Amino acid sequence: MAGSSHGHGHTPAAWTGVIIAFIGFCVAGAFMVMANVPGFWVGMAIIALGGIVGGTMRAAGMGQNKRPQREVRRSEA
């Protein structure tokens, strides 16, 4: 199972998106503890920004290449 991922998520687009989203979670969590509602929503916006940046980088070719799915053939019995 460990070798079945074929590099899933090991791209600049994935790493960048996840790192930005992680920073957003940290910001939102810190401001939630401090009971600062505007700061919490800034953190939520950073999380959304991570998804947008990751998606944009993927569209620019920095994501994983799409592989055609293998065709499953039934054996004639």
C-alpha atoms as a PDB file:
ATOM      1  CA  MET A   1       0.000   0.000   0.000  1.00  0.00           C
ATOM      2  CA  ALA A   2       2.853   2.377   0.706  1.00  0.00           C
ATOM      3  CA  GLY A   3       4.053   2.183  -2.894  1.00  0.00           C
ATOM      4  CA  SER A   4       0.612   2.618  -4.441  1.00  0.00           C
ATOM      5  CA  SER A   5       0.426   6.419  -4.224  1.00  0.00           C
ATOM      6  CA  HIS A   6       2.659   7.085  -7.267  1.00  0.00           C
ATOM      7  CA  GLY A   7       3.795  10.474  -5.972  1.00  0.00           C
ATOM      8  CA  HIS A   8       0.352  11.645  -4.940  1.00  0.00           C
ATOM      9  CA  GLY A   9       0.659  15.161  -3.552  1.00  0.00           C
ATOM     10  CA  HIS A  10       4.414  15.442  -3.989  1.00  0.00           C
ATOM     11  CA  THR A  11       4.306  18.488  -6.245  1.00  0.00           C
ATOM     12  CA  PRO A  12       5.100  22.172  -5.793  1.00  0.00           C
ATOM     13  CA  ALA A  13       1.393  22.997  -6.175  1.00  0.00           C
ATOM     14  CA  ALA A  14       0.342  20.573  -3.436  1.00  0.00           C
ATOM     15  CA  TRP A  15       3.088  21.599  -1.018  1.00  0.00           C
ATOM     16  CA  THR A  16       2.441  25.314  -1.506  1.00  0.00           C
ATOM     17  CA  GLY A  17      -1.319  24.987  -1.097  1.00  0.00           C
ATOM     18  CA  VAL A  18      -1.018  22.864   2.037  1.00  0.00           C
ATOM     19  CA  ILE A  19       1.586  25.125   3.646  1.00  0.00           C
ATOM     20  CA  ILE A  20      -0.521  28.243   3.061  1.00  0.00           C
ATOM     21  CA  ALA A  21      -3.636  26.474   4.379  1.00  0.00           C
ATOM     22  CA  PHE A  22      -1.706  25.261   7.449  1.00  0.00           C
ATOM     23  CA  ILE A  23      -0.615  28.824   8.196  1.00  0.00           C
ATOM     24  CA  GLY A  24      -4.262  29.870   7.855  1.00  0.00           C
ATOM     25  CA  PHE A  25      -5.344  27.183  10.330  1.00  0.00           C
ATOM     26  CA  CYS A  26      -2.721  28.380  12.793  1.00  0.00           C
ATOM     27  CA  VAL A  27      -3.822  32.009  12.424  1.00  0.00           C
ATOM     28  CA  ALA A  28      -7.516  31.145  12.747  1.00  0.00           C
ATOM     29  CA  GLY A  29      -6.858  28.907  15.747  1.00  0.00           C
ATOM     30  CA  ALA A  30      -4.783  31.523  17.557  1.00  0.00           C
ATOM     31  CA  PHE A  31      -7.366  34.240  17.019  1.00  0.00           C
ATOM     32  CA  MET A  32     -10.183  31.892  18.051  1.00  0.00           C
ATOM     33  CA  VAL A  33      -8.445  31.315  21.382  1.00  0.00           C
ATOM     34  CA  MET A  34      -7.980  35.088  21.765  1.00  0.00           C
ATOM     35  CA  ALA A  35     -11.703  35.594  20.978  1.00  0.00           C
ATOM     36  CA  ASN A  36     -10.821  37.920  18.108  1.00  0.00           C
ATOM     37  CA  VAL A  37     -13.501  37.393  15.451  1.00  0.00           C
ATOM     38  CA  PRO A  38     -11.936  39.525  12.653  1.00  0.00           C
ATOM     39  CA  GLY A  39      -8.588  37.764  13.084  1.00  0.00           C
ATOM     40  CA  PHE A  40     -10.332  34.396  12.897  1.00  0.00           C
ATOM     41  CA  TRP A  41     -11.914  35.329   9.568  1.00  0.00           C
ATOM     42  CA  VAL A  42      -8.537  36.525   8.257  1.00  0.00           C
ATOM     43  CA  GLY A  43      -7.231  33.047   9.041  1.00  0.00           C
ATOM     44  CA  MET A  44     -10.167  31.491   7.202  1.00  0.00           C
ATOM     45  CA  ALA A  45      -9.412  33.707   4.195  1.00  0.00           C
ATOM     46  CA  ILE A  46      -5.790  32.510   4.263  1.00  0.00           C
ATOM     47  CA  ILE A  47      -7.044  28.910   4.184  1.00  0.00           C
ATOM     48  CA  ALA A  48      -9.130  29.691   1.096  1.00  0.00           C
ATOM     49  CA  LEU A  49      -6.133  31.456  -0.438  1.00  0.00           C
ATOM     50  CA  GLY A  50      -4.131  28.233  -0.045  1.00  0.00           C
ATOM     51  CA  GLY A  51      -6.687  26.367  -2.139  1.00  0.00           C
ATOM     52  CA  ILE A  52      -6.724  29.064  -4.776  1.00  0.00           C
ATOM     53  CA  VAL A  53      -2.925  29.250  -5.004  1.00  0.00           C
ATOM     54  CA  GLY A  54      -2.603  25.455  -5.161  1.00  0.00           C
ATOM     55  CA  GLY A  55      -5.263  25.213  -7.863  1.00  0.00           C
ATOM     56  CA  THR A  56      -3.676  28.012  -9.872  1.00  0.00           C
ATOM     57  CA  MET A  57      -0.256  26.385  -9.662  1.00  0.00           C
ATOM     58  CA  ARG A  58      -1.752  23.064 -10.740  1.00  0.00           C
ATOM     59  CA  ALA A  59      -3.373  24.747 -13.726  1.00  0.00           C
ATOM     60  CA  ALA A  60       0.005  26.306 -14.565  1.00  0.00           C
ATOM     61  CA  GLY A  61       1.527  22.835 -14.830  1.00  0.00           C
ATOM     62  CA  MET A  62       3.146  22.511 -11.412  1.00  0.00           C
ATOM     63  CA  GLY A  63       0.803  19.759 -10.260  1.00  0.00           C
ATOM     64  CA  GLN A  64       0.747  16.056 -10.917  1.00  0.00           C
ATOM     65  CA  ASN A  65       0.344  14.987 -14.527  1.00  0.00           C
ATOM     66  CA  LYS A  66      -2.962  13.341 -15.266  1.00  0.00           C
ATOM     67  CA  ARG A  67      -2.554   9.710 -16.199  1.00  0.00           C
ATOM     68  CA  PRO A  68      -5.092   7.917 -18.323  1.00  0.00           C
ATOM     69  CA  GLN A  69      -6.979   5.305 -16.387  1.00  0.00           C
ATOM     70  CA  ARG A  70      -6.270   1.723 -17.317  1.00  0.00           C
ATOM     71  CA  GLU A  71      -9.006  -0.071 -19.115  1.00  0.00           C
ATOM     72  CA  VAL A  72     -10.234  -3.126 -17.288  1.00  0.00           C
ATOM     73  CA  ARG A  73     -11.000  -5.994 -19.650  1.00  0.00           C
ATOM     74  CA  ARG A  74     -13.180  -8.892 -18.720  1.00  0.00           C
ATOM     75  CA  SER A  75     -11.940 -12.304 -19.633  1.00  0.00           C
ATOM     76  CA  GLU A  76     -14.198 -14.273 -21.933  1.00  0.00           C
ATOM     77  CA  ALA A  77     -15.280 -17.455 -20.135  1.00  0.00           C
END
